Amino acid sequence: MKISIISASHRMNSQSKRISNFLKNDLLNLNPNIKIFPLDLAKLALPLWSPDKKKGEGIWGKTWNSISKNLDSSDGFIIVVPEYGGMATPAAKNIFLLCGNGEFAHKPGLIVSVSSGNGGAYPIAELRSSSYKNTHIMWIPENIIIRNAEEFNPGEHGSNIPKWIDSRIEYVLNLFLAYVSNMKPLRKIINRKDFGNGM
């Protein structure tokens, strides 16, 4: 089983990246045999999608092909997205535009939203409503919102982090892994040749 964890912040050494590392450790604690592909969109600074991507030149050559192959070989996705001005980040939206070859198709995804304050709900609504059409990612019904992210530190959370958050994360990750395992057979009947995009 291979899981991609995508940190969708534009900032280097962001809270999203830090929380992604915690989630990686949580997954490995649940199943040490899981392979993790970490994707830090701040570090990569991928350009916005344009028709030039089809030429396969520059970053769209070896670099993107490596990313695309790792995503394509993944069985599930966790996207850690901060809330910027009540929205999902441009990097979060862009990665779904870039993945036009079925990398996400019919695989479960988990949204983990990050807020420095008491927000965090809007990126979840935005990604659920607009990221799935052509990518065919299957967002699971559960999500995680980490508010007051600077105080998030499993085992030693700050006073603004609820005590139940670690149990909630463990529950959702276990559920996510169950979706990953049980959705694998579904992909045997997928016809992307004739029906590659949504209606």
N, C-alpha and C. Protein backbone atom coordinates (compact mmCIF):
# COMPACT_ATOMS: atom_id res chain seq x y z
N MET A 1 0.84 -1.19 0.00
CA MET A 1 0.00 0.00 0.00
C MET A 1 0.88 1.24 0.00
N LYS A 2 0.53 2.19 -0.87
CA LYS A 2 1.31 3.43 -0.98
C LYS A 2 0.38 4.62 -0.83
N ILE A 3 0.75 5.54 0.03
CA ILE A 3 -0.05 6.73 0.29
C ILE A 3 0.79 7.97 -0.02
N SER A 4 0.22 8.88 -0.77
CA SER A 4 0.84 10.19 -1.00
C SER A 4 0.30 11.18 0.01
N ILE A 5 1.20 11.91 0.65
CA ILE A 5 0.81 12.99 1.55
C ILE A 5 1.26 14.30 0.91
N ILE A 6 0.30 15.14 0.54
CA ILE A 6 0.58 16.36 -0.21
C ILE A 6 0.42 17.56 0.71
N SER A 7 1.51 18.27 0.95
CA SER A 7 1.46 19.52 1.71
C SER A 7 1.23 20.65 0.72
N ALA A 8 0.08 21.32 0.83
CA ALA A 8 -0.35 22.27 -0.20
C ALA A 8 -0.15 23.73 0.20
N SER A 9 0.75 23.98 1.13
CA SER A 9 1.10 25.36 1.47
C SER A 9 2.12 25.90 0.48
N HIS A 10 2.13 27.22 0.31
CA HIS A 10 3.15 27.87 -0.52
C HIS A 10 4.38 28.24 0.30
N ARG A 11 4.29 28.11 1.60
CA ARG A 11 5.37 28.56 2.48
C ARG A 11 6.34 27.42 2.79
N MET A 12 7.63 27.74 2.77
CA MET A 12 8.63 26.77 3.19
C MET A 12 8.52 26.56 4.70
N ASN A 13 8.73 25.32 5.13
CA ASN A 13 8.68 24.98 6.55
C ASN A 13 7.37 25.43 7.20
N SER A 14 6.28 25.16 6.51
CA SER A 14 4.95 25.62 6.95
C SER A 14 4.38 24.70 8.01
N GLN A 15 3.29 25.17 8.63
CA GLN A 15 2.55 24.32 9.55
C GLN A 15 1.97 23.10 8.82
N SER A 16 1.57 23.29 7.58
CA SER A 16 1.04 22.17 6.79
C SER A 16 2.10 21.10 6.61
N LYS A 17 3.32 21.52 6.32
CA LYS A 17 4.41 20.56 6.18
C LYS A 17 4.69 19.85 7.50
N ARG A 18 4.69 20.60 8.59
CA ARG A 18 4.94 20.01 9.91
C ARG A 18 3.85 19.00 10.26
N ILE A 19 2.61 19.34 9.99
CA ILE A 19 1.50 18.44 10.28
C ILE A 19 1.54 17.23 9.36
N SER A 20 1.97 17.42 8.11
CA SER A 20 2.15 16.29 7.19
C SER A 20 3.11 15.26 7.77
N ASN A 21 4.17 15.74 8.40
CA ASN A 21 5.15 14.83 9.00
C ASN A 21 4.53 14.05 10.17
N PHE A 22 3.70 14.72 10.97
CA PHE A 22 3.00 14.01 12.04
C PHE A 22 2.08 12.92 11.47
N LEU A 23 1.37 13.26 10.40
CA LEU A 23 0.45 12.29 9.79
C LEU A 23 1.22 11.10 9.21
N LYS A 24 2.37 11.38 8.63
CA LYS A 24 3.22 10.29 8.13
C LYS A 24 3.57 9.33 9.26
N ASN A 25 3.99 9.87 10.39
CA ASN A 25 4.33 9.02 11.53
C ASN A 25 3.11 8.25 12.04
N ASP A 26 1.96 8.93 12.06
CA ASP A 26 0.72 8.26 12.50
C ASP A 26 0.40 7.07 11.60
N LEU A 27 0.52 7.25 10.28
CA LEU A 27 0.24 6.17 9.35
C LEU A 27 1.19 4.99 9.56
N LEU A 28 2.46 5.30 9.73
CA LEU A 28 3.45 4.23 9.92
C LEU A 28 3.26 3.51 11.25
N ASN A 29 2.73 4.22 12.24
CA ASN A 29 2.40 3.56 13.50
C ASN A 29 1.23 2.60 13.33
N LEU A 30 0.30 2.96 12.45
CA LEU A 30 -0.84 2.09 12.19
C LEU A 30 -0.45 0.90 11.33
N ASN A 31 0.47 1.14 10.40
CA ASN A 31 0.91 0.07 9.49
C ASN A 31 2.33 0.38 9.03
N PRO A 32 3.34 -0.27 9.63
CA PRO A 32 4.74 0.02 9.28
C PRO A 32 5.10 -0.34 7.84
N ASN A 33 4.24 -1.10 7.16
CA ASN A 33 4.54 -1.54 5.79
C ASN A 33 4.06 -0.56 4.73
N ILE A 34 3.38 0.50 5.16
CA ILE A 34 2.91 1.50 4.19
C ILE A 34 4.10 2.25 3.59
N LYS A 35 4.06 2.43 2.28
CA LYS A 35 5.03 3.30 1.62
C LYS A 35 4.43 4.70 1.55
N ILE A 36 5.24 5.70 1.88
CA ILE A 36 4.77 7.08 1.88
C ILE A 36 5.50 7.87 0.81
N PHE A 37 4.74 8.58 -0.01
CA PHE A 37 5.32 9.53 -0.96
C PHE A 37 4.97 10.94 -0.48
N PRO A 38 5.93 11.65 0.13
CA PRO A 38 5.66 13.01 0.58
C PRO A 38 5.87 14.01 -0.56
N LEU A 39 4.90 14.89 -0.73
CA LEU A 39 4.98 15.89 -1.80
C LEU A 39 4.77 17.27 -1.19
N ASP A 40 5.84 18.04 -1.14
CA ASP A 40 5.80 19.39 -0.55
C ASP A 40 5.71 20.40 -1.70
N LEU A 41 4.52 20.97 -1.91
CA LEU A 41 4.31 21.86 -3.04
C LEU A 41 5.04 23.19 -2.88
N ALA A 42 5.38 23.57 -1.66
CA ALA A 42 6.18 24.78 -1.46
C ALA A 42 7.60 24.57 -1.96
N LYS A 43 8.16 23.44 -1.64
CA LYS A 43 9.54 23.13 -2.05
C LYS A 43 9.64 22.99 -3.57
N LEU A 44 8.63 22.39 -4.17
CA LEU A 44 8.66 22.16 -5.62
C LEU A 44 8.34 23.42 -6.42
N ALA A 45 7.44 24.25 -5.89
CA ALA A 45 7.02 25.48 -6.58
C ALA A 45 6.65 25.20 -8.04
N LEU A 46 5.74 24.25 -8.24
CA LEU A 46 5.32 23.92 -9.59
C LEU A 46 4.62 25.11 -10.24
N PRO A 47 4.89 25.38 -11.50
CA PRO A 47 4.18 26.47 -12.19
C PRO A 47 2.70 26.16 -12.29
N LEU A 48 1.90 27.20 -12.49
CA LEU A 48 0.49 26.99 -12.76
C LEU A 48 0.32 26.24 -14.07
N TRP A 49 -0.74 25.44 -14.13
CA TRP A 49 -1.00 24.69 -15.36
C TRP A 49 -1.13 25.64 -16.54
N SER A 50 -0.55 25.22 -17.65
CA SER A 50 -0.74 25.91 -18.93
C SER A 50 -0.59 24.86 -20.02
N PRO A 51 -1.01 25.18 -21.25
CA PRO A 51 -0.86 24.21 -22.34
C PRO A 51 0.59 23.79 -22.59
N ASP A 52 1.55 24.60 -22.12
CA ASP A 52 2.96 24.25 -22.29
C ASP A 52 3.33 22.93 -21.63
N LYS A 53 2.54 22.52 -20.64
CA LYS A 53 2.81 21.26 -19.95
C LYS A 53 2.85 20.09 -20.94
N LYS A 54 2.04 20.16 -21.97
CA LYS A 54 1.97 19.07 -22.94
C LYS A 54 3.29 18.87 -23.70
N LYS A 55 4.11 19.91 -23.74
CA LYS A 55 5.38 19.81 -24.47
C LYS A 55 6.41 18.96 -23.71
N GLY A 56 6.21 18.81 -22.39
CA GLY A 56 7.12 17.99 -21.61
C GLY A 56 8.52 18.56 -21.48
N GLU A 57 8.62 19.88 -21.50
CA GLU A 57 9.93 20.52 -21.43
C GLU A 57 10.16 21.12 -20.05
N GLY A 58 11.43 21.30 -19.68
CA GLY A 58 11.77 21.90 -18.39
C GLY A 58 11.25 21.06 -17.24
N ILE A 59 10.59 21.73 -16.30
CA ILE A 59 10.07 21.03 -15.13
C ILE A 59 9.01 19.99 -15.50
N TRP A 60 8.40 20.16 -16.68
CA TRP A 60 7.36 19.22 -17.13
C TRP A 60 7.96 17.96 -17.74
N GLY A 61 9.28 17.86 -17.74
CA GLY A 61 9.94 16.66 -18.21
C GLY A 61 10.18 15.69 -17.08
N LYS A 62 11.46 15.47 -16.75
CA LYS A 62 11.83 14.45 -15.77
C LYS A 62 11.21 14.71 -14.40
N THR A 63 11.19 15.97 -13.94
CA THR A 63 10.67 16.29 -12.60
C THR A 63 9.20 15.93 -12.49
N TRP A 64 8.39 16.45 -13.43
CA TRP A 64 6.96 16.17 -13.34
C TRP A 64 6.66 14.70 -13.59
N ASN A 65 7.36 14.08 -14.51
CA ASN A 65 7.11 12.67 -14.79
C ASN A 65 7.34 11.80 -13.55
N SER A 66 8.37 12.14 -12.75
CA SER A 66 8.63 11.41 -11.52
C SER A 66 7.49 11.60 -10.52
N ILE A 67 7.02 12.84 -10.39
CA ILE A 67 5.89 13.13 -9.48
C ILE A 67 4.64 12.38 -9.94
N SER A 68 4.36 12.48 -11.23
CA SER A 68 3.16 11.84 -11.78
C SER A 68 3.19 10.33 -11.57
N LYS A 69 4.34 9.71 -11.77
CA LYS A 69 4.44 8.26 -11.58
C LYS A 69 4.24 7.88 -10.12
N ASN A 70 4.78 8.68 -9.20
CA ASN A 70 4.58 8.40 -7.78
C ASN A 70 3.13 8.55 -7.37
N LEU A 71 2.46 9.57 -7.90
CA LEU A 71 1.04 9.74 -7.60
C LEU A 71 0.22 8.62 -8.22
N ASP A 72 0.56 8.25 -9.45
CA ASP A 72 -0.17 7.21 -10.15
C ASP A 72 -0.06 5.86 -9.44
N SER A 73 1.10 5.60 -8.84
CA SER A 73 1.31 4.33 -8.15
C SER A 73 0.80 4.36 -6.71
N SER A 74 0.27 5.49 -6.28
CA SER A 74 -0.29 5.59 -4.93
C SER A 74 -1.70 5.03 -4.90
N ASP A 75 -2.06 4.49 -3.75
CA ASP A 75 -3.39 3.91 -3.58
C ASP A 75 -4.36 4.86 -2.89
N GLY A 76 -3.85 5.93 -2.32
CA GLY A 76 -4.69 6.90 -1.63
C GLY A 76 -3.91 8.17 -1.39
N PHE A 77 -4.63 9.24 -1.05
CA PHE A 77 -4.03 10.57 -0.94
C PHE A 77 -4.53 11.30 0.30
N ILE A 78 -3.60 11.92 0.99
CA ILE A 78 -3.94 12.86 2.05
C ILE A 78 -3.44 14.21 1.61
N ILE A 79 -4.33 15.18 1.50
CA ILE A 79 -3.91 16.52 1.13
C ILE A 79 -4.07 17.42 2.35
N VAL A 80 -2.98 18.04 2.76
CA VAL A 80 -2.94 18.92 3.92
C VAL A 80 -2.94 20.35 3.38
N VAL A 81 -4.06 21.04 3.55
CA VAL A 81 -4.24 22.32 2.88
C VAL A 81 -4.55 23.42 3.90
N PRO A 82 -3.73 24.48 3.91
CA PRO A 82 -4.05 25.59 4.80
C PRO A 82 -5.14 26.47 4.20
N GLU A 83 -5.78 27.22 5.06
CA GLU A 83 -6.80 28.16 4.61
C GLU A 83 -6.15 29.52 4.38
N TYR A 84 -6.16 29.96 3.13
CA TYR A 84 -5.64 31.28 2.77
C TYR A 84 -6.82 32.18 2.44
N GLY A 85 -7.10 33.14 3.29
CA GLY A 85 -8.19 34.08 3.01
C GLY A 85 -9.52 33.41 2.79
N GLY A 86 -9.79 32.34 3.54
CA GLY A 86 -11.06 31.63 3.40
C GLY A 86 -11.13 30.73 2.17
N MET A 87 -9.95 30.40 1.60
CA MET A 87 -9.93 29.58 0.38
C MET A 87 -8.85 28.51 0.49
N ALA A 88 -8.98 27.49 -0.37
CA ALA A 88 -7.88 26.55 -0.57
C ALA A 88 -6.76 27.29 -1.30
N THR A 89 -5.55 26.86 -1.09
CA THR A 89 -4.40 27.53 -1.71
C THR A 89 -4.38 27.32 -3.23
N PRO A 90 -3.78 28.25 -3.96
CA PRO A 90 -3.60 28.03 -5.40
C PRO A 90 -2.83 26.75 -5.70
N ALA A 91 -1.85 26.41 -4.87
CA ALA A 91 -1.09 25.17 -5.09
C ALA A 91 -1.98 23.95 -4.98
N ALA A 92 -2.93 23.99 -4.04
CA ALA A 92 -3.86 22.86 -3.88
C ALA A 92 -4.73 22.70 -5.12
N LYS A 93 -5.22 23.81 -5.65
CA LYS A 93 -6.07 23.74 -6.84
C LYS A 93 -5.24 23.32 -8.06
N ASN A 94 -4.02 23.83 -8.13
CA ASN A 94 -3.17 23.58 -9.28
C ASN A 94 -2.81 22.11 -9.44
N ILE A 95 -2.54 21.43 -8.33
CA ILE A 95 -2.12 20.03 -8.44
C ILE A 95 -3.22 19.18 -9.09
N PHE A 96 -4.47 19.56 -8.89
CA PHE A 96 -5.56 18.81 -9.51
C PHE A 96 -5.67 19.12 -11.01
N LEU A 97 -5.31 20.34 -11.39
CA LEU A 97 -5.27 20.67 -12.81
C LEU A 97 -4.12 19.94 -13.51
N LEU A 98 -3.00 19.79 -12.81
CA LEU A 98 -1.83 19.16 -13.40
C LEU A 98 -1.99 17.66 -13.58
N CYS A 99 -2.78 17.04 -12.70
CA CYS A 99 -2.92 15.58 -12.75
C CYS A 99 -4.05 15.19 -13.69
N GLY A 100 -3.77 15.25 -14.96
CA GLY A 100 -4.78 14.97 -15.97
C GLY A 100 -4.69 13.58 -16.57
N ASN A 101 -3.82 12.75 -16.04
CA ASN A 101 -3.64 11.41 -16.62
C ASN A 101 -4.15 10.30 -15.71
N GLY A 102 -5.09 10.64 -14.84
CA GLY A 102 -5.71 9.62 -14.01
C GLY A 102 -4.94 9.28 -12.75
N GLU A 103 -4.01 10.14 -12.35
CA GLU A 103 -3.21 9.85 -11.16
C GLU A 103 -4.08 9.65 -9.92
N PHE A 104 -5.15 10.45 -9.81
CA PHE A 104 -6.03 10.38 -8.63
C PHE A 104 -7.25 9.48 -8.84
N ALA A 105 -7.43 8.99 -10.04
CA ALA A 105 -8.72 8.45 -10.44
C ALA A 105 -9.18 7.25 -9.62
N HIS A 106 -10.35 7.41 -9.03
CA HIS A 106 -11.04 6.35 -8.29
C HIS A 106 -10.18 5.81 -7.15
N LYS A 107 -9.51 6.72 -6.49
CA LYS A 107 -8.73 6.40 -5.29
C LYS A 107 -9.20 7.31 -4.17
N PRO A 108 -9.21 6.82 -2.94
CA PRO A 108 -9.71 7.64 -1.83
C PRO A 108 -8.77 8.77 -1.46
N GLY A 109 -9.37 9.89 -1.09
CA GLY A 109 -8.62 11.05 -0.64
C GLY A 109 -9.16 11.54 0.69
N LEU A 110 -8.26 12.04 1.51
CA LEU A 110 -8.61 12.61 2.81
C LEU A 110 -8.13 14.05 2.84
N ILE A 111 -9.02 14.97 3.17
CA ILE A 111 -8.66 16.38 3.29
C ILE A 111 -8.36 16.70 4.74
N VAL A 112 -7.17 17.27 4.97
CA VAL A 112 -6.80 17.77 6.29
C VAL A 112 -6.59 19.27 6.14
N SER A 113 -7.48 20.04 6.75
CA SER A 113 -7.42 21.48 6.64
C SER A 113 -6.70 22.07 7.86
N VAL A 114 -5.91 23.10 7.61
CA VAL A 114 -5.08 23.71 8.64
C VAL A 114 -5.40 25.19 8.74
N SER A 115 -5.58 25.66 9.97
CA SER A 115 -5.86 27.08 10.20
C SER A 115 -5.03 27.58 11.37
N SER A 116 -4.51 28.79 11.25
CA SER A 116 -3.78 29.38 12.37
C SER A 116 -4.73 29.92 13.43
N GLY A 117 -6.01 30.04 13.06
CA GLY A 117 -7.03 30.49 14.02
C GLY A 117 -8.12 29.46 14.16
N ASN A 118 -9.38 29.94 14.12
CA ASN A 118 -10.52 29.04 14.32
C ASN A 118 -11.26 28.72 13.03
N GLY A 119 -10.60 28.93 11.88
CA GLY A 119 -11.22 28.63 10.60
C GLY A 119 -10.93 27.21 10.15
N GLY A 120 -10.81 27.05 8.83
CA GLY A 120 -10.41 25.77 8.28
C GLY A 120 -11.48 25.00 7.53
N ALA A 121 -12.73 25.45 7.59
CA ALA A 121 -13.80 24.69 6.93
C ALA A 121 -13.90 24.97 5.43
N TYR A 122 -13.54 26.18 5.02
CA TYR A 122 -13.76 26.57 3.63
C TYR A 122 -12.93 25.78 2.62
N PRO A 123 -11.64 25.48 2.88
CA PRO A 123 -10.89 24.67 1.89
C PRO A 123 -11.51 23.29 1.67
N ILE A 124 -12.12 22.74 2.71
CA ILE A 124 -12.74 21.43 2.57
C ILE A 124 -13.93 21.51 1.62
N ALA A 125 -14.78 22.51 1.84
CA ALA A 125 -15.95 22.69 0.95
C ALA A 125 -15.50 22.97 -0.48
N GLU A 126 -14.46 23.77 -0.64
CA GLU A 126 -13.99 24.14 -1.98
C GLU A 126 -13.43 22.93 -2.71
N LEU A 127 -12.59 22.15 -2.05
CA LEU A 127 -12.00 20.98 -2.72
C LEU A 127 -13.06 19.92 -3.02
N ARG A 128 -14.00 19.74 -2.11
CA ARG A 128 -15.05 18.74 -2.36
C ARG A 128 -15.92 19.13 -3.57
N SER A 129 -16.10 20.43 -3.77
CA SER A 129 -17.02 20.87 -4.82
C SER A 129 -16.36 20.98 -6.19
N SER A 130 -15.03 21.14 -6.25
CA SER A 130 -14.46 21.49 -7.56
C SER A 130 -13.22 20.70 -7.97
N SER A 131 -12.74 19.78 -7.16
CA SER A 131 -11.49 19.10 -7.53
C SER A 131 -11.68 17.71 -8.10
N TYR A 132 -12.90 17.19 -8.04
CA TYR A 132 -13.10 15.77 -8.34
C TYR A 132 -13.54 15.49 -9.77
N LYS A 133 -14.06 16.50 -10.49
CA LYS A 133 -14.77 16.23 -11.74
C LYS A 133 -13.93 15.43 -12.73
N ASN A 134 -12.81 15.97 -13.14
CA ASN A 134 -11.97 15.27 -14.11
C ASN A 134 -10.93 14.37 -13.47
N THR A 135 -10.55 14.66 -12.23
CA THR A 135 -9.55 13.81 -11.57
C THR A 135 -10.17 12.52 -11.06
N HIS A 136 -11.48 12.56 -10.76
CA HIS A 136 -12.22 11.40 -10.23
C HIS A 136 -11.67 10.93 -8.89
N ILE A 137 -11.05 11.84 -8.15
CA ILE A 137 -10.64 11.48 -6.79
C ILE A 137 -11.90 11.22 -5.97
N MET A 138 -11.82 10.29 -5.04
CA MET A 138 -12.97 9.91 -4.23
C MET A 138 -12.74 10.39 -2.80
N TRP A 139 -13.17 11.59 -2.50
CA TRP A 139 -13.00 12.11 -1.14
C TRP A 139 -13.83 11.28 -0.17
N ILE A 140 -13.21 10.80 0.90
CA ILE A 140 -13.98 10.06 1.89
C ILE A 140 -14.85 11.05 2.67
N PRO A 141 -15.94 10.58 3.29
CA PRO A 141 -16.86 11.51 3.97
C PRO A 141 -16.23 12.22 5.16
N GLU A 142 -15.25 11.62 5.79
CA GLU A 142 -14.60 12.25 6.95
C GLU A 142 -13.52 13.23 6.49
N ASN A 143 -13.23 14.19 7.34
CA ASN A 143 -12.10 15.09 7.12
C ASN A 143 -11.53 15.46 8.49
N ILE A 144 -10.42 16.16 8.47
CA ILE A 144 -9.79 16.63 9.71
C ILE A 144 -9.56 18.12 9.57
N ILE A 145 -9.89 18.87 10.63
CA ILE A 145 -9.56 20.30 10.69
C ILE A 145 -8.66 20.51 11.90
N ILE A 146 -7.49 21.06 11.64
CA ILE A 146 -6.58 21.39 12.73
C ILE A 146 -6.53 22.90 12.86
N ARG A 147 -7.18 23.38 13.92
CA ARG A 147 -7.23 24.82 14.19
C ARG A 147 -6.13 25.19 15.18
N ASN A 148 -5.78 26.48 15.20
CA ASN A 148 -4.69 26.95 16.07
C ASN A 148 -3.45 26.07 15.87
N ALA A 149 -3.09 25.93 14.59
CA ALA A 149 -2.11 24.92 14.19
C ALA A 149 -0.76 25.05 14.88
N GLU A 150 -0.38 26.27 15.21
CA GLU A 150 0.92 26.45 15.87
C GLU A 150 1.00 25.73 17.20
N GLU A 151 -0.15 25.47 17.81
CA GLU A 151 -0.19 24.79 19.10
C GLU A 151 -0.36 23.27 18.97
N PHE A 152 -0.44 22.79 17.73
CA PHE A 152 -0.64 21.36 17.51
C PHE A 152 0.68 20.61 17.70
N ASN A 153 0.69 19.73 18.68
CA ASN A 153 1.89 18.94 18.98
C ASN A 153 1.44 17.69 19.73
N PRO A 154 1.20 16.59 19.03
CA PRO A 154 0.64 15.39 19.67
C PRO A 154 1.33 15.02 20.97
N GLY A 155 0.50 14.85 22.00
CA GLY A 155 1.02 14.52 23.33
C GLY A 155 1.27 15.74 24.19
N GLU A 156 1.47 16.89 23.54
CA GLU A 156 1.76 18.13 24.29
C GLU A 156 1.10 19.32 23.61
N HIS A 157 -0.18 19.18 23.28
CA HIS A 157 -0.88 20.27 22.59
C HIS A 157 -1.00 21.50 23.48
N GLY A 158 -1.12 22.65 22.79
CA GLY A 158 -1.40 23.89 23.51
C GLY A 158 -2.84 23.90 24.01
N SER A 159 -3.15 24.93 24.78
CA SER A 159 -4.46 24.98 25.45
C SER A 159 -5.63 25.15 24.49
N ASN A 160 -5.37 25.63 23.27
CA ASN A 160 -6.45 25.83 22.30
C ASN A 160 -6.71 24.62 21.41
N ILE A 161 -6.01 23.52 21.67
CA ILE A 161 -6.22 22.29 20.91
C ILE A 161 -7.05 21.34 21.77
N PRO A 162 -8.19 20.85 21.27
CA PRO A 162 -9.03 19.94 22.08
C PRO A 162 -8.31 18.63 22.38
N LYS A 163 -8.57 18.07 23.54
CA LYS A 163 -7.89 16.86 23.97
C LYS A 163 -8.24 15.66 23.09
N TRP A 164 -9.41 15.69 22.47
CA TRP A 164 -9.86 14.55 21.68
C TRP A 164 -9.28 14.50 20.27
N ILE A 165 -8.51 15.51 19.86
CA ILE A 165 -8.08 15.60 18.46
C ILE A 165 -7.23 14.40 18.03
N ASP A 166 -6.35 13.92 18.91
CA ASP A 166 -5.49 12.79 18.53
C ASP A 166 -6.31 11.53 18.29
N SER A 167 -7.32 11.30 19.12
CA SER A 167 -8.18 10.13 18.94
C SER A 167 -8.98 10.25 17.65
N ARG A 168 -9.42 11.46 17.36
CA ARG A 168 -10.17 11.70 16.12
C ARG A 168 -9.29 11.43 14.90
N ILE A 169 -8.06 11.90 14.94
CA ILE A 169 -7.14 11.68 13.82
C ILE A 169 -6.88 10.19 13.63
N GLU A 170 -6.67 9.47 14.72
CA GLU A 170 -6.44 8.03 14.61
C GLU A 170 -7.64 7.32 14.01
N TYR A 171 -8.83 7.71 14.44
CA TYR A 171 -10.06 7.13 13.90
C TYR A 171 -10.16 7.38 12.39
N VAL A 172 -9.95 8.62 11.97
CA VAL A 172 -10.11 8.98 10.56
C VAL A 172 -9.04 8.29 9.71
N LEU A 173 -7.81 8.21 10.20
CA LEU A 173 -6.76 7.53 9.44
C LEU A 173 -7.05 6.04 9.28
N ASN A 174 -7.55 5.41 10.33
CA ASN A 174 -7.93 4.00 10.22
C ASN A 174 -9.04 3.82 9.18
N LEU A 175 -10.01 4.72 9.21
CA LEU A 175 -11.11 4.66 8.25
C LEU A 175 -10.59 4.87 6.83
N PHE A 176 -9.72 5.85 6.67
CA PHE A 176 -9.11 6.14 5.37
C PHE A 176 -8.39 4.91 4.82
N LEU A 177 -7.60 4.24 5.65
CA LEU A 177 -6.87 3.06 5.20
C LEU A 177 -7.82 1.93 4.82
N ALA A 178 -8.96 1.84 5.49
CA ALA A 178 -9.96 0.84 5.12
C ALA A 178 -10.53 1.14 3.73
N TYR A 179 -10.79 2.43 3.46
CA TYR A 179 -11.24 2.82 2.12
C TYR A 179 -10.18 2.46 1.08
N VAL A 180 -8.92 2.74 1.39
CA VAL A 180 -7.83 2.46 0.45
C VAL A 180 -7.81 0.97 0.10
N SER A 181 -7.89 0.13 1.10
CA SER A 181 -7.84 -1.32 0.87
C SER A 181 -9.05 -1.81 0.08
N ASN A 182 -10.22 -1.30 0.41
CA ASN A 182 -11.44 -1.85 -0.18
C ASN A 182 -11.78 -1.28 -1.55
N MET A 183 -11.15 -0.17 -1.92
CA MET A 183 -11.43 0.42 -3.22
C MET A 183 -10.52 -0.08 -4.32
N LYS A 184 -9.48 -0.82 -3.98
CA LYS A 184 -8.56 -1.32 -5.01
C LYS A 184 -9.27 -2.13 -6.09
N PRO A 185 -10.17 -3.06 -5.74
CA PRO A 185 -10.83 -3.85 -6.81
C PRO A 185 -11.64 -3.01 -7.78
N LEU A 186 -12.16 -1.88 -7.32
CA LEU A 186 -12.98 -1.02 -8.17
C LEU A 186 -12.23 -0.56 -9.41
N ARG A 187 -10.92 -0.32 -9.27
CA ARG A 187 -10.16 0.27 -10.37
C ARG A 187 -9.95 -0.69 -11.53
N LYS A 188 -10.28 -1.98 -11.33
CA LYS A 188 -10.15 -2.95 -12.42
C LYS A 188 -11.18 -2.75 -13.51
N ILE A 189 -12.28 -2.06 -13.19
CA ILE A 189 -13.34 -1.89 -14.19
C ILE A 189 -13.39 -0.46 -14.74
N ILE A 190 -12.41 0.37 -14.37
CA ILE A 190 -12.43 1.77 -14.81
C ILE A 190 -12.06 1.88 -16.28
N ASN A 191 -12.83 2.66 -17.01
CA ASN A 191 -12.58 2.89 -18.44
C ASN A 191 -12.25 4.37 -18.65
N ARG A 192 -10.98 4.70 -18.52
CA ARG A 192 -10.56 6.09 -18.73
C ARG A 192 -10.36 6.41 -20.20
N LYS A 193 -10.22 5.39 -21.03
CA LYS A 193 -10.04 5.62 -22.46
C LYS A 193 -11.27 6.31 -23.06
N ASP A 194 -12.43 5.82 -22.72
CA ASP A 194 -13.67 6.38 -23.28
C ASP A 194 -14.29 7.44 -22.37
N PHE A 195 -14.05 7.33 -21.06
CA PHE A 195 -14.72 8.20 -20.11
C PHE A 195 -13.69 8.79 -19.14
N GLY A 196 -12.71 9.50 -19.68
CA GLY A 196 -11.63 10.02 -18.87
C GLY A 196 -12.00 11.23 -18.05
N ASN A 197 -13.02 11.98 -18.49
CA ASN A 197 -13.43 13.20 -17.78
C ASN A 197 -14.85 13.07 -17.27
N GLY A 198 -15.17 13.91 -16.29
CA GLY A 198 -16.54 13.93 -15.77
C GLY A 198 -17.48 14.62 -16.73
N MET A 199 -18.77 14.53 -16.44
CA MET A 199 -19.78 15.15 -17.31
C MET A 199 -20.00 16.60 -16.90
